N, C-alpha and C. Protein backbone atom coordinates (compact mmCIF):
# COMPACT_ATOMS: atom_id res chain seq x y z
N UNK A 1 231.68 238.04 186.95
CA UNK A 1 230.93 239.26 187.25
C UNK A 1 230.96 239.56 188.75
N UNK A 2 230.71 238.52 189.59
CA UNK A 2 230.69 238.71 191.03
C UNK A 2 232.05 239.15 191.55
N UNK A 3 233.12 238.47 191.08
CA UNK A 3 234.47 238.84 191.51
C UNK A 3 234.80 240.26 191.05
N UNK A 4 234.42 240.59 189.84
CA UNK A 4 234.64 241.94 189.34
C UNK A 4 233.89 242.96 190.19
N UNK A 5 232.68 242.61 190.63
CA UNK A 5 231.90 243.51 191.48
C UNK A 5 232.59 243.74 192.81
N UNK A 6 233.18 242.69 193.35
CA UNK A 6 233.91 242.84 194.62
C UNK A 6 235.12 243.74 194.42
N UNK A 7 235.86 243.50 193.36
CA UNK A 7 237.07 244.29 193.10
C UNK A 7 236.71 245.75 192.85
N UNK A 8 235.67 245.98 192.08
CA UNK A 8 235.28 247.34 191.70
C UNK A 8 234.42 248.02 192.76
N UNK A 9 233.97 247.26 193.77
CA UNK A 9 233.09 247.85 194.78
C UNK A 9 231.73 248.20 194.20
N UNK A 10 231.32 247.49 193.16
CA UNK A 10 230.07 247.78 192.47
C UNK A 10 228.90 247.15 193.20
N UNK A 11 227.95 247.98 193.65
CA UNK A 11 226.78 247.44 194.34
C UNK A 11 225.67 247.10 193.36
N UNK A 12 225.83 247.37 192.08
CA UNK A 12 224.82 247.02 191.07
C UNK A 12 225.12 245.62 190.59
N UNK A 13 224.71 244.65 191.37
CA UNK A 13 225.05 243.27 191.09
C UNK A 13 223.86 242.55 190.49
N UNK A 14 224.12 241.42 189.87
CA UNK A 14 223.09 240.56 189.35
C UNK A 14 222.10 240.22 190.47
N UNK A 15 220.81 240.15 190.15
CA UNK A 15 219.78 239.92 191.17
C UNK A 15 219.96 238.61 191.90
N UNK A 16 220.65 237.64 191.30
CA UNK A 16 220.86 236.34 191.94
C UNK A 16 222.03 236.37 192.92
N UNK A 17 222.75 237.45 192.96
CA UNK A 17 223.90 237.58 193.86
C UNK A 17 223.54 238.46 195.05
N UNK A 18 224.15 238.18 196.18
CA UNK A 18 223.89 239.00 197.37
C UNK A 18 224.70 240.29 197.30
N UNK A 19 224.08 241.36 197.74
CA UNK A 19 224.78 242.64 197.78
C UNK A 19 225.70 242.64 199.00
N UNK A 20 226.90 243.14 198.83
CA UNK A 20 227.88 243.16 199.91
C UNK A 20 227.47 244.14 201.00
N UNK A 21 227.64 243.73 202.25
CA UNK A 21 227.31 244.60 203.38
C UNK A 21 228.07 245.91 203.31
N UNK A 22 229.32 245.86 202.87
CA UNK A 22 230.15 247.06 202.79
C UNK A 22 229.44 248.12 201.94
N UNK A 23 228.79 247.68 200.87
CA UNK A 23 228.08 248.60 199.99
C UNK A 23 226.74 249.03 200.59
N UNK A 24 226.07 248.11 201.24
CA UNK A 24 224.77 248.43 201.83
C UNK A 24 224.90 249.47 202.93
N UNK A 25 225.99 249.40 203.69
CA UNK A 25 226.18 250.29 204.84
C UNK A 25 226.73 251.67 204.48
N UNK A 26 227.10 251.87 203.24
CA UNK A 26 227.65 253.15 202.80
C UNK A 26 226.56 254.18 202.56
N UNK A 27 226.98 255.44 202.62
CA UNK A 27 226.14 256.53 202.15
C UNK A 27 225.13 257.05 203.16
N UNK A 28 224.46 258.11 202.77
CA UNK A 28 223.47 258.73 203.63
C UNK A 28 224.11 259.62 204.67
N UNK A 29 223.29 260.11 205.57
CA UNK A 29 223.76 261.00 206.63
C UNK A 29 224.69 260.23 207.57
N UNK A 30 225.81 260.80 207.96
CA UNK A 30 226.79 260.09 208.79
C UNK A 30 226.25 259.60 210.13
N UNK A 31 225.24 260.26 210.68
CA UNK A 31 224.71 259.83 211.97
C UNK A 31 223.46 258.96 211.85
N UNK A 32 223.04 258.67 210.62
CA UNK A 32 221.86 257.83 210.45
C UNK A 32 222.27 256.36 210.42
N UNK A 33 221.32 255.51 210.67
CA UNK A 33 221.60 254.07 210.63
C UNK A 33 221.55 253.52 209.21
N UNK A 34 221.05 254.32 208.27
CA UNK A 34 220.98 253.84 206.89
C UNK A 34 220.22 252.52 206.84
N UNK A 35 220.84 251.53 206.24
CA UNK A 35 220.21 250.21 206.10
C UNK A 35 220.77 249.19 207.10
N UNK A 36 221.20 249.69 208.25
CA UNK A 36 221.77 248.82 209.27
C UNK A 36 220.80 247.72 209.68
N UNK A 37 219.55 248.07 209.88
CA UNK A 37 218.56 247.08 210.33
C UNK A 37 218.39 245.98 209.28
N UNK A 38 218.45 246.36 208.01
CA UNK A 38 218.38 245.37 206.92
C UNK A 38 219.55 244.39 207.01
N UNK A 39 220.73 244.90 207.28
CA UNK A 39 221.91 244.05 207.41
C UNK A 39 221.76 243.13 208.62
N UNK A 40 221.28 243.66 209.73
CA UNK A 40 221.07 242.85 210.93
C UNK A 40 220.11 241.71 210.63
N UNK A 41 219.00 242.02 209.99
CA UNK A 41 218.01 240.99 209.65
C UNK A 41 218.61 239.92 208.75
N UNK A 42 219.47 240.34 207.83
CA UNK A 42 220.12 239.38 206.94
C UNK A 42 221.03 238.45 207.73
N UNK A 43 221.82 239.01 208.64
CA UNK A 43 222.74 238.17 209.43
C UNK A 43 221.96 237.24 210.36
N UNK A 44 220.88 237.73 210.94
CA UNK A 44 220.09 236.89 211.83
C UNK A 44 219.48 235.70 211.09
N UNK A 45 219.10 235.90 209.84
CA UNK A 45 218.53 234.79 209.06
C UNK A 45 219.58 234.00 208.29
N UNK A 46 220.75 234.61 208.09
CA UNK A 46 221.86 233.95 207.38
C UNK A 46 223.14 234.14 208.19
N UNK A 47 223.29 233.42 209.32
CA UNK A 47 224.45 233.64 210.21
C UNK A 47 225.80 233.43 209.53
N UNK A 48 225.81 232.71 208.43
CA UNK A 48 227.08 232.50 207.72
C UNK A 48 227.62 233.81 207.16
N UNK A 49 226.83 234.86 207.17
CA UNK A 49 227.28 236.16 206.67
C UNK A 49 227.83 237.05 207.79
N UNK A 50 227.89 236.52 209.01
CA UNK A 50 228.43 237.30 210.13
C UNK A 50 229.86 237.77 209.83
N UNK A 51 230.67 236.88 209.30
CA UNK A 51 232.07 237.22 208.99
C UNK A 51 232.15 238.41 208.04
N UNK A 52 231.28 238.42 207.05
CA UNK A 52 231.26 239.53 206.10
C UNK A 52 230.97 240.85 206.82
N UNK A 53 230.04 240.80 207.77
CA UNK A 53 229.73 242.01 208.54
C UNK A 53 230.95 242.42 209.37
N UNK A 54 231.58 241.48 210.04
CA UNK A 54 232.75 241.80 210.87
C UNK A 54 233.84 242.45 210.02
N UNK A 55 233.99 242.00 208.79
CA UNK A 55 235.00 242.57 207.89
C UNK A 55 234.74 244.04 207.58
N UNK A 56 233.51 244.49 207.78
CA UNK A 56 233.19 245.90 207.52
C UNK A 56 233.92 246.83 208.49
N UNK A 57 234.39 246.30 209.61
CA UNK A 57 235.21 247.11 210.52
C UNK A 57 236.52 247.54 209.85
N UNK A 58 236.93 246.84 208.82
CA UNK A 58 238.19 247.20 208.15
C UNK A 58 237.98 248.27 207.08
N UNK A 59 236.76 248.74 206.91
CA UNK A 59 236.47 249.77 205.92
C UNK A 59 237.18 251.07 206.28
N UNK A 60 237.56 251.82 205.26
CA UNK A 60 238.12 253.16 205.46
C UNK A 60 237.02 254.18 205.74
N UNK A 61 235.79 253.78 205.53
CA UNK A 61 234.63 254.67 205.66
C UNK A 61 234.12 254.67 207.11
N UNK A 62 234.20 255.82 207.78
CA UNK A 62 233.77 255.91 209.19
C UNK A 62 232.28 255.59 209.34
N UNK A 63 231.49 255.91 208.34
CA UNK A 63 230.05 255.64 208.39
C UNK A 63 229.81 254.13 208.38
N UNK A 64 230.53 253.41 207.54
CA UNK A 64 230.40 251.96 207.49
C UNK A 64 230.78 251.36 208.84
N UNK A 65 231.87 251.83 209.43
CA UNK A 65 232.30 251.29 210.74
C UNK A 65 231.28 251.64 211.83
N UNK A 66 230.72 252.85 211.79
CA UNK A 66 229.68 253.25 212.75
C UNK A 66 228.48 252.32 212.65
N UNK A 67 228.04 252.07 211.44
CA UNK A 67 226.86 251.21 211.24
C UNK A 67 227.17 249.75 211.56
N UNK A 68 228.41 249.33 211.33
CA UNK A 68 228.82 247.98 211.69
C UNK A 68 228.72 247.80 213.21
N UNK A 69 229.18 248.80 213.95
CA UNK A 69 229.08 248.75 215.41
C UNK A 69 227.63 248.64 215.85
N UNK A 70 226.77 249.44 215.24
CA UNK A 70 225.35 249.39 215.62
C UNK A 70 224.77 248.02 215.30
N UNK A 71 225.14 247.45 214.16
CA UNK A 71 224.66 246.13 213.78
C UNK A 71 225.13 245.07 214.77
N UNK A 72 226.39 245.15 215.19
CA UNK A 72 226.93 244.17 216.14
C UNK A 72 226.14 244.20 217.45
N UNK A 73 225.86 245.38 217.93
CA UNK A 73 225.09 245.52 219.18
C UNK A 73 223.71 244.90 219.02
N UNK A 74 223.05 245.18 217.91
CA UNK A 74 221.71 244.64 217.67
C UNK A 74 221.71 243.12 217.54
N UNK A 75 222.72 242.60 216.86
CA UNK A 75 222.82 241.14 216.71
C UNK A 75 223.09 240.50 218.06
N UNK A 76 223.94 241.10 218.85
CA UNK A 76 224.24 240.56 220.18
C UNK A 76 222.99 240.51 221.05
N UNK A 77 222.15 241.51 220.96
CA UNK A 77 220.90 241.53 221.73
C UNK A 77 219.95 240.41 221.30
N UNK A 78 219.94 240.12 220.01
CA UNK A 78 219.02 239.11 219.47
C UNK A 78 219.56 237.69 219.56
N UNK A 79 220.85 237.54 219.20
CA UNK A 79 221.45 236.20 219.15
C UNK A 79 222.92 236.29 219.51
N UNK A 80 223.17 236.46 220.80
CA UNK A 80 224.56 236.66 221.21
C UNK A 80 225.45 235.46 220.90
N UNK A 81 224.85 234.29 220.69
CA UNK A 81 225.65 233.11 220.36
C UNK A 81 226.43 233.30 219.05
N UNK A 82 225.98 234.23 218.21
CA UNK A 82 226.72 234.51 216.98
C UNK A 82 228.03 235.25 217.27
N UNK A 83 228.08 236.00 218.36
CA UNK A 83 229.28 236.76 218.69
C UNK A 83 230.24 236.00 219.61
N UNK A 84 229.73 235.07 220.39
CA UNK A 84 230.56 234.38 221.38
C UNK A 84 231.84 233.78 220.78
N UNK A 85 231.78 233.10 219.63
CA UNK A 85 233.03 232.56 219.08
C UNK A 85 234.03 233.63 218.65
N UNK A 86 233.58 234.88 218.57
CA UNK A 86 234.42 235.97 218.09
C UNK A 86 234.87 236.92 219.21
N UNK A 87 234.65 236.54 220.45
CA UNK A 87 235.01 237.43 221.57
C UNK A 87 236.48 237.82 221.51
N UNK A 88 237.35 236.85 221.34
CA UNK A 88 238.79 237.15 221.28
C UNK A 88 239.12 238.15 220.18
N UNK A 89 238.51 237.95 219.05
CA UNK A 89 238.74 238.85 217.92
C UNK A 89 238.17 240.24 218.19
N UNK A 90 237.02 240.29 218.82
CA UNK A 90 236.41 241.58 219.19
C UNK A 90 237.36 242.35 220.09
N UNK A 91 237.94 241.64 221.07
CA UNK A 91 238.85 242.29 222.02
C UNK A 91 240.18 242.68 221.39
N UNK A 92 240.54 242.03 220.31
CA UNK A 92 241.78 242.37 219.59
C UNK A 92 241.56 243.51 218.61
N UNK A 93 240.48 243.44 217.85
CA UNK A 93 240.33 244.34 216.71
C UNK A 93 239.58 245.64 217.02
N UNK A 94 238.55 245.60 217.85
CA UNK A 94 237.81 246.84 218.11
C UNK A 94 238.67 247.91 218.79
N UNK A 95 239.52 247.56 219.75
CA UNK A 95 240.35 248.61 220.36
C UNK A 95 241.33 249.27 219.38
N UNK A 96 241.60 248.61 218.27
CA UNK A 96 242.53 249.17 217.27
C UNK A 96 241.86 250.21 216.39
N UNK A 97 240.54 250.30 216.45
CA UNK A 97 239.80 251.25 215.63
C UNK A 97 239.69 252.56 216.40
N UNK A 98 240.28 253.59 215.86
CA UNK A 98 240.28 254.89 216.52
C UNK A 98 238.99 255.64 216.16
N UNK A 99 237.89 255.16 216.75
CA UNK A 99 236.58 255.73 216.48
C UNK A 99 235.71 255.52 217.71
N UNK A 100 235.04 256.58 218.12
CA UNK A 100 234.23 256.51 219.34
C UNK A 100 233.18 255.41 219.28
N UNK A 101 232.53 255.23 218.13
CA UNK A 101 231.47 254.22 218.06
C UNK A 101 232.03 252.81 218.30
N UNK A 102 233.25 252.54 217.90
CA UNK A 102 233.86 251.24 218.17
C UNK A 102 234.14 251.11 219.66
N UNK A 103 234.57 252.20 220.30
CA UNK A 103 234.87 252.16 221.74
C UNK A 103 233.60 251.96 222.56
N UNK A 104 232.52 252.69 222.22
CA UNK A 104 231.31 252.50 223.02
C UNK A 104 230.66 251.16 222.72
N UNK A 105 230.82 250.65 221.49
CA UNK A 105 230.29 249.33 221.18
C UNK A 105 231.04 248.26 221.94
N UNK A 106 232.35 248.42 222.09
CA UNK A 106 233.12 247.47 222.88
C UNK A 106 232.59 247.42 224.31
N UNK A 107 232.28 248.56 224.88
CA UNK A 107 231.71 248.58 226.23
C UNK A 107 230.36 247.85 226.26
N UNK A 108 229.51 248.14 225.29
CA UNK A 108 228.19 247.50 225.25
C UNK A 108 228.30 245.99 225.06
N UNK A 109 229.13 245.57 224.12
CA UNK A 109 229.29 244.14 223.88
C UNK A 109 229.90 243.44 225.09
N UNK A 110 230.85 244.09 225.74
CA UNK A 110 231.47 243.51 226.94
C UNK A 110 230.43 243.30 228.03
N UNK A 111 229.55 244.25 228.18
CA UNK A 111 228.48 244.15 229.16
C UNK A 111 227.55 242.98 228.84
N UNK A 112 227.24 242.79 227.58
CA UNK A 112 226.32 241.72 227.18
C UNK A 112 226.99 240.34 227.15
N UNK A 113 228.30 240.31 226.94
CA UNK A 113 229.01 239.04 226.76
C UNK A 113 229.87 238.65 227.96
N UNK A 114 229.85 239.43 229.04
CA UNK A 114 230.79 239.18 230.14
C UNK A 114 230.69 237.77 230.71
N UNK A 115 229.49 237.21 230.80
CA UNK A 115 229.35 235.86 231.36
C UNK A 115 229.87 234.78 230.40
N UNK A 116 230.13 235.16 229.17
CA UNK A 116 230.64 234.22 228.17
C UNK A 116 232.14 234.35 227.95
N UNK A 117 232.77 235.29 228.66
CA UNK A 117 234.21 235.52 228.50
C UNK A 117 234.99 234.70 229.52
N UNK A 118 236.23 234.39 229.14
CA UNK A 118 237.14 233.76 230.09
C UNK A 118 237.61 234.84 231.07
N UNK A 119 238.23 234.42 232.16
CA UNK A 119 238.79 235.40 233.12
C UNK A 119 239.82 236.29 232.44
N UNK A 120 240.64 235.70 231.58
CA UNK A 120 241.66 236.48 230.88
C UNK A 120 241.02 237.52 229.96
N UNK A 121 239.94 237.14 229.29
CA UNK A 121 239.26 238.09 228.41
C UNK A 121 238.63 239.22 229.21
N UNK A 122 238.05 238.89 230.36
CA UNK A 122 237.45 239.93 231.20
C UNK A 122 238.53 240.89 231.68
N UNK A 123 239.67 240.37 232.10
CA UNK A 123 240.76 241.24 232.55
C UNK A 123 241.28 242.11 231.41
N UNK A 124 241.37 241.52 230.23
CA UNK A 124 241.83 242.29 229.07
C UNK A 124 240.87 243.43 228.76
N UNK A 125 239.58 243.14 228.74
CA UNK A 125 238.61 244.19 228.40
C UNK A 125 238.54 245.24 229.51
N UNK A 126 238.75 244.85 230.75
CA UNK A 126 238.81 245.84 231.83
C UNK A 126 239.93 246.85 231.56
N UNK A 127 241.09 246.33 231.18
CA UNK A 127 242.21 247.22 230.87
C UNK A 127 241.90 248.14 229.70
N UNK A 128 241.26 247.60 228.68
CA UNK A 128 240.90 248.41 227.52
C UNK A 128 239.90 249.50 227.93
N UNK A 129 238.88 249.12 228.68
CA UNK A 129 237.86 250.09 229.10
C UNK A 129 238.44 251.13 230.04
N UNK A 130 239.36 250.73 230.91
CA UNK A 130 240.03 251.71 231.76
C UNK A 130 240.76 252.75 230.91
N UNK A 131 241.47 252.27 229.90
CA UNK A 131 242.17 253.18 228.99
C UNK A 131 241.20 254.13 228.30
N UNK A 132 240.05 253.61 227.88
CA UNK A 132 239.05 254.46 227.23
C UNK A 132 238.50 255.49 228.20
N UNK A 133 238.31 255.10 229.45
CA UNK A 133 237.78 256.04 230.45
C UNK A 133 238.79 257.16 230.72
N UNK A 134 240.05 256.84 230.68
CA UNK A 134 241.10 257.84 230.90
C UNK A 134 241.30 258.74 229.68
N UNK A 135 241.30 258.14 228.49
CA UNK A 135 241.74 258.86 227.29
C UNK A 135 240.64 259.43 226.41
N UNK A 136 239.43 258.92 226.53
CA UNK A 136 238.38 259.39 225.63
C UNK A 136 237.75 260.67 226.15
N UNK A 137 237.29 261.48 225.22
CA UNK A 137 236.54 262.67 225.58
C UNK A 137 235.12 262.60 225.03
N UNK A 138 234.78 261.48 224.41
CA UNK A 138 233.45 261.30 223.84
C UNK A 138 232.47 260.96 224.96
N UNK A 139 231.38 261.71 225.04
CA UNK A 139 230.43 261.54 226.14
C UNK A 139 229.76 260.17 226.13
N UNK A 140 229.53 259.59 224.96
CA UNK A 140 228.90 258.26 224.91
C UNK A 140 229.89 257.21 225.39
N UNK A 141 231.13 257.29 224.94
CA UNK A 141 232.16 256.35 225.39
C UNK A 141 232.28 256.42 226.90
N UNK A 142 232.36 257.64 227.43
CA UNK A 142 232.52 257.80 228.88
C UNK A 142 231.32 257.22 229.64
N UNK A 143 230.12 257.55 229.21
CA UNK A 143 228.92 257.07 229.91
C UNK A 143 228.80 255.55 229.88
N UNK A 144 228.98 254.95 228.71
CA UNK A 144 228.83 253.51 228.61
C UNK A 144 229.97 252.76 229.30
N UNK A 145 231.16 253.32 229.25
CA UNK A 145 232.30 252.69 229.92
C UNK A 145 232.14 252.77 231.44
N UNK A 146 231.69 253.93 231.95
CA UNK A 146 231.42 254.03 233.39
C UNK A 146 230.39 252.99 233.82
N UNK A 147 229.36 252.83 233.02
CA UNK A 147 228.29 251.88 233.35
C UNK A 147 228.82 250.46 233.52
N UNK A 148 229.63 250.02 232.56
CA UNK A 148 230.16 248.65 232.61
C UNK A 148 231.13 248.49 233.77
N UNK A 149 232.07 249.43 233.91
CA UNK A 149 233.06 249.30 234.98
C UNK A 149 232.41 249.40 236.35
N UNK A 150 231.40 250.23 236.49
CA UNK A 150 230.70 250.33 237.79
C UNK A 150 229.98 249.02 238.09
N UNK A 151 229.35 248.44 237.10
CA UNK A 151 228.68 247.15 237.28
C UNK A 151 229.67 246.08 237.72
N UNK A 152 230.80 246.01 237.04
CA UNK A 152 231.81 245.00 237.37
C UNK A 152 232.48 245.29 238.71
N UNK A 153 232.51 246.55 239.13
CA UNK A 153 233.13 246.92 240.41
C UNK A 153 232.41 246.32 241.60
N UNK A 154 231.16 246.00 241.40
CA UNK A 154 230.36 245.40 242.46
C UNK A 154 230.99 244.11 242.97
N UNK A 155 231.68 243.39 242.07
CA UNK A 155 232.31 242.11 242.43
C UNK A 155 233.83 242.17 242.36
N UNK A 156 234.38 243.36 242.19
CA UNK A 156 235.83 243.49 242.01
C UNK A 156 236.31 244.70 242.81
N UNK A 157 236.79 244.45 244.01
CA UNK A 157 237.22 245.51 244.92
C UNK A 157 238.35 246.35 244.32
N UNK A 158 239.29 245.71 243.67
CA UNK A 158 240.43 246.42 243.08
C UNK A 158 239.94 247.37 241.98
N UNK A 159 239.04 246.89 241.15
CA UNK A 159 238.47 247.74 240.09
C UNK A 159 237.71 248.90 240.72
N UNK A 160 236.97 248.62 241.77
CA UNK A 160 236.20 249.66 242.45
C UNK A 160 237.12 250.77 242.96
N UNK A 161 238.21 250.38 243.59
CA UNK A 161 239.17 251.37 244.11
C UNK A 161 239.82 252.16 242.98
N UNK A 162 240.07 251.52 241.86
CA UNK A 162 240.63 252.21 240.70
C UNK A 162 239.61 253.20 240.13
N UNK A 163 238.35 252.79 240.08
CA UNK A 163 237.32 253.57 239.40
C UNK A 163 236.92 254.83 240.17
N UNK A 164 236.91 254.79 241.48
CA UNK A 164 236.40 255.91 242.28
C UNK A 164 237.08 257.25 241.94
N UNK A 165 238.41 257.34 241.88
CA UNK A 165 238.99 258.65 241.54
C UNK A 165 238.64 259.13 240.12
N UNK A 166 238.45 258.19 239.22
CA UNK A 166 238.07 258.57 237.85
C UNK A 166 236.62 259.06 237.81
N UNK A 167 235.79 258.44 238.62
CA UNK A 167 234.40 258.92 238.72
C UNK A 167 234.36 260.31 239.36
N UNK A 168 235.22 260.54 240.34
CA UNK A 168 235.29 261.88 240.96
C UNK A 168 235.68 262.91 239.92
N UNK A 169 236.68 262.59 239.11
CA UNK A 169 237.10 263.51 238.05
C UNK A 169 235.96 263.76 237.07
N UNK A 170 235.28 262.70 236.65
CA UNK A 170 234.20 262.84 235.67
C UNK A 170 232.95 263.48 236.27
N UNK A 171 232.80 263.42 237.58
CA UNK A 171 231.65 264.07 238.21
C UNK A 171 231.74 265.59 238.10
N UNK A 172 232.91 266.10 237.74
CA UNK A 172 233.11 267.54 237.54
C UNK A 172 233.05 267.92 236.05
N UNK A 173 232.75 266.97 235.21
CA UNK A 173 232.69 267.22 233.76
C UNK A 173 231.60 268.24 233.47
N UNK A 174 231.86 269.12 232.50
CA UNK A 174 230.90 270.18 232.16
C UNK A 174 229.65 269.63 231.48
N UNK A 175 229.74 268.43 230.93
CA UNK A 175 228.57 267.81 230.29
C UNK A 175 227.74 267.10 231.35
N UNK A 176 226.50 267.51 231.47
CA UNK A 176 225.65 266.98 232.54
C UNK A 176 225.47 265.47 232.46
N UNK A 177 225.36 264.94 231.25
CA UNK A 177 225.14 263.49 231.14
C UNK A 177 226.32 262.72 231.72
N UNK A 178 227.52 263.24 231.55
CA UNK A 178 228.72 262.59 232.09
C UNK A 178 228.81 262.81 233.59
N UNK A 179 228.67 264.05 234.03
CA UNK A 179 228.84 264.34 235.47
C UNK A 179 227.76 263.67 236.31
N UNK A 180 226.52 263.68 235.84
CA UNK A 180 225.42 263.05 236.62
C UNK A 180 225.62 261.55 236.72
N UNK A 181 226.03 260.93 235.62
CA UNK A 181 226.25 259.48 235.66
C UNK A 181 227.42 259.14 236.59
N UNK A 182 228.49 259.92 236.53
CA UNK A 182 229.63 259.68 237.43
C UNK A 182 229.21 259.82 238.88
N UNK A 183 228.41 260.84 239.18
CA UNK A 183 227.91 261.04 240.55
C UNK A 183 227.05 259.87 240.99
N UNK A 184 226.21 259.38 240.10
CA UNK A 184 225.34 258.24 240.41
C UNK A 184 226.18 257.01 240.80
N UNK A 185 227.21 256.70 239.98
CA UNK A 185 228.02 255.53 240.27
C UNK A 185 228.90 255.72 241.50
N UNK A 186 229.30 256.96 241.76
CA UNK A 186 230.04 257.23 243.00
C UNK A 186 229.18 256.91 244.21
N UNK A 187 227.93 257.33 244.18
CA UNK A 187 227.02 257.04 245.30
C UNK A 187 226.88 255.52 245.49
N UNK A 188 226.74 254.80 244.40
CA UNK A 188 226.57 253.34 244.49
C UNK A 188 227.84 252.70 245.05
N UNK A 189 229.00 253.10 244.55
CA UNK A 189 230.25 252.48 244.99
C UNK A 189 230.64 252.88 246.42
N UNK A 190 230.19 254.03 246.88
CA UNK A 190 230.53 254.47 248.23
C UNK A 190 229.60 253.91 249.28
N UNK A 191 228.59 253.18 248.87
CA UNK A 191 227.67 252.57 249.86
C UNK A 191 228.10 251.19 250.26
């Protein structure tokens, strides 16, 4: 029955069986969190289910991937040790997802996990975030990516020099949240 439920994607499972996160995260309004908090609470109390949550990134459903990103951020805030063993995988798989929520979550997770990354991982994520800052038009991706790169620029002169012209470009953005944040970080980096 359980295997059949997995194959059929049936969320009406026997009460003694756990409902799959993929099914729990489906449905509802695309911008709502749905039952994301329920999934987070489950992973926090049953960390062995973290892998199941991570697998939700492979869903064809954009809503499931959006909610998976939100869950990852929440779990990292509560128990980042659950994500630390998966840093390499996060840096490999999240950039492959062509979805703004995955891009802004990568920025957020990188900010929270930077002290737990190797130098190579930090350099890799810098390159990924630079690419997102250049190529993305999503205001959340831009704002969160600027935040992380500006923070890291404080200790990285080369990154700082790279970032300044991009902040100048974004300071002219028609969206106030983007332009104001770019101006703020320009002031910080120019001091």
